[in-house]
Amino acid sequence: MTNPPIFDEMWGNDSALRAPYSGIKDWLDAETPARLRAKSREAEELFRLTGITFNVYGRAEAEERLIPFDIV
């Protein structure tokens, strides 16, 4: 059994960058992994400060969790 092809919004079937994403690619190419990690930590802190969280009820620990977020 073969897996169906996966659609990629940024890259076409011919592995060419789709035109609307050229600015995003330029930005990603210019960012370092360390800067992306730092920005992700800043976003998480902001989420905690502003209460962008949820609780998982019905579990003993029922801890407050951050809404899943990807800096990109």
C-alpha atoms as a PDB file:
ATOM      1  CA  MET A   1       0.000   0.000   0.000  1.00  0.00           C
ATOM      2  CA  THR A   2       1.421   3.399  -0.925  1.00  0.00           C
ATOM      3  CA  ASN A   3       0.740   6.602   0.912  1.00  0.00           C
ATOM      4  CA  PRO A   4      -1.163   9.303  -0.938  1.00  0.00           C
ATOM      5  CA  PRO A   5       0.813  12.422  -1.810  1.00  0.00           C
ATOM      6  CA  ILE A   6       0.823  15.144   0.827  1.00  0.00           C
ATOM      7  CA  PHE A   7      -0.217  18.661  -0.147  1.00  0.00           C
ATOM      8  CA  ASP A   8       2.319  21.339   0.725  1.00  0.00           C
ATOM      9  CA  GLU A   9       1.033  24.905   0.687  1.00  0.00           C
ATOM     10  CA  MET A  10       4.487  26.420   0.276  1.00  0.00           C
ATOM     11  CA  TRP A  11       6.041  24.061  -2.250  1.00  0.00           C
ATOM     12  CA  GLY A  12       4.405  22.789  -5.439  1.00  0.00           C
ATOM     13  CA  ASN A  13       4.470  19.222  -6.740  1.00  0.00           C
ATOM     14  CA  ASP A  14       7.529  20.109  -8.816  1.00  0.00           C
ATOM     15  CA  SER A  15       9.336  21.273  -5.634  1.00  0.00           C
ATOM     16  CA  ALA A  16       9.127  24.871  -6.808  1.00  0.00           C
ATOM     17  CA  LEU A  17       8.353  27.573  -4.271  1.00  0.00           C
ATOM     18  CA  ARG A  18       4.854  28.978  -4.715  1.00  0.00           C
ATOM     19  CA  ALA A  19       5.081  32.727  -5.415  1.00  0.00           C
ATOM     20  CA  PRO A  20       2.952  33.932  -2.459  1.00  0.00           C
ATOM     21  CA  TYR A  21       5.437  32.292  -0.064  1.00  0.00           C
ATOM     22  CA  SER A  22       8.630  33.951  -1.287  1.00  0.00           C
ATOM     23  CA  GLY A  23       8.590  36.526   1.540  1.00  0.00           C
ATOM     24  CA  ILE A  24       8.066  33.830   4.155  1.00  0.00           C
ATOM     25  CA  LYS A  25      10.946  31.780   2.742  1.00  0.00           C
ATOM     26  CA  ASP A  26      13.208  34.840   2.791  1.00  0.00           C
ATOM     27  CA  TRP A  27      12.263  35.477   6.427  1.00  0.00           C
ATOM     28  CA  LEU A  28      12.854  31.840   7.423  1.00  0.00           C
ATOM     29  CA  ASP A  29      16.211  31.784   5.640  1.00  0.00           C
ATOM     30  CA  ALA A  30      17.297  34.912   7.541  1.00  0.00           C
ATOM     31  CA  GLU A  31      16.287  33.609  10.998  1.00  0.00           C
ATOM     32  CA  THR A  32      18.609  31.515  13.113  1.00  0.00           C
ATOM     33  CA  PRO A  33      17.341  28.535  15.118  1.00  0.00           C
ATOM     34  CA  ALA A  34      18.401  30.327  18.319  1.00  0.00           C
ATOM     35  CA  ARG A  35      16.340  33.406  17.450  1.00  0.00           C
ATOM     36  CA  LEU A  36      13.289  31.279  16.608  1.00  0.00           C
ATOM     37  CA  ARG A  37      13.618  29.473  19.965  1.00  0.00           C
ATOM     38  CA  ALA A  38      13.906  32.827  21.763  1.00  0.00           C
ATOM     39  CA  LYS A  39      10.821  34.178  19.988  1.00  0.00           C
ATOM     40  CA  SER A  40       8.940  30.992  20.842  1.00  0.00           C
ATOM     41  CA  ARG A  41       9.831  31.411  24.540  1.00  0.00           C
ATOM     42  CA  GLU A  42       8.695  35.059  24.395  1.00  0.00           C
ATOM     43  CA  ALA A  43       5.380  34.003  22.864  1.00  0.00           C
ATOM     44  CA  GLU A  44       4.866  31.311  25.521  1.00  0.00           C
ATOM     45  CA  GLU A  45       5.529  33.845  28.284  1.00  0.00           C
ATOM     46  CA  LEU A  46       3.050  36.274  26.722  1.00  0.00           C
ATOM     47  CA  PHE A  47       0.468  33.476  26.499  1.00  0.00           C
ATOM     48  CA  ARG A  48       0.942  32.714  30.204  1.00  0.00           C
ATOM     49  CA  LEU A  49       0.717  36.393  31.186  1.00  0.00           C
ATOM     50  CA  THR A  50      -2.446  36.989  29.167  1.00  0.00           C
ATOM     51  CA  GLY A  51      -4.107  33.688  30.077  1.00  0.00           C
ATOM     52  CA  ILE A  52      -4.104  31.984  26.692  1.00  0.00           C
ATOM     53  CA  THR A  53      -4.325  28.569  28.322  1.00  0.00           C
ATOM     54  CA  PHE A  54      -6.700  25.671  28.838  1.00  0.00           C
ATOM     55  CA  ASN A  55      -7.244  22.955  31.432  1.00  0.00           C
ATOM     56  CA  VAL A  56      -7.652  19.251  30.809  1.00  0.00           C
ATOM     57  CA  TYR A  57     -10.466  18.295  33.142  1.00  0.00           C
ATOM     58  CA  GLY A  58     -11.125  14.768  34.280  1.00  0.00           C
ATOM     59  CA  ARG A  59      -7.448  14.076  34.878  1.00  0.00           C
ATOM     60  CA  ALA A  60      -5.955  14.049  38.340  1.00  0.00           C
ATOM     61  CA  GLU A  61      -3.304  16.625  37.498  1.00  0.00           C
ATOM     62  CA  ALA A  62      -5.706  18.926  35.549  1.00  0.00           C
ATOM     63  CA  GLU A  63      -2.860  21.314  34.948  1.00  0.00           C
ATOM     64  CA  GLU A  64      -3.112  24.552  33.058  1.00  0.00           C
ATOM     65  CA  ARG A  65      -1.612  24.187  29.599  1.00  0.00           C
ATOM     66  CA  LEU A  66      -0.703  26.605  26.877  1.00  0.00           C
ATOM     67  CA  ILE A  67      -2.681  26.621  23.672  1.00  0.00           C
ATOM     68  CA  PRO A  68      -0.473  24.802  21.122  1.00  0.00           C
ATOM     69  CA  PHE A  69       1.457  27.385  19.129  1.00  0.00           C
ATOM     70  CA  ASP A  70       4.133  27.291  16.444  1.00  0.00           C
ATOM     71  CA  ILE A  71       6.179  30.467  16.071  1.00  0.00           C
ATOM     72  CA  VAL A  72       6.369  29.962  12.310  1.00  0.00           C
END
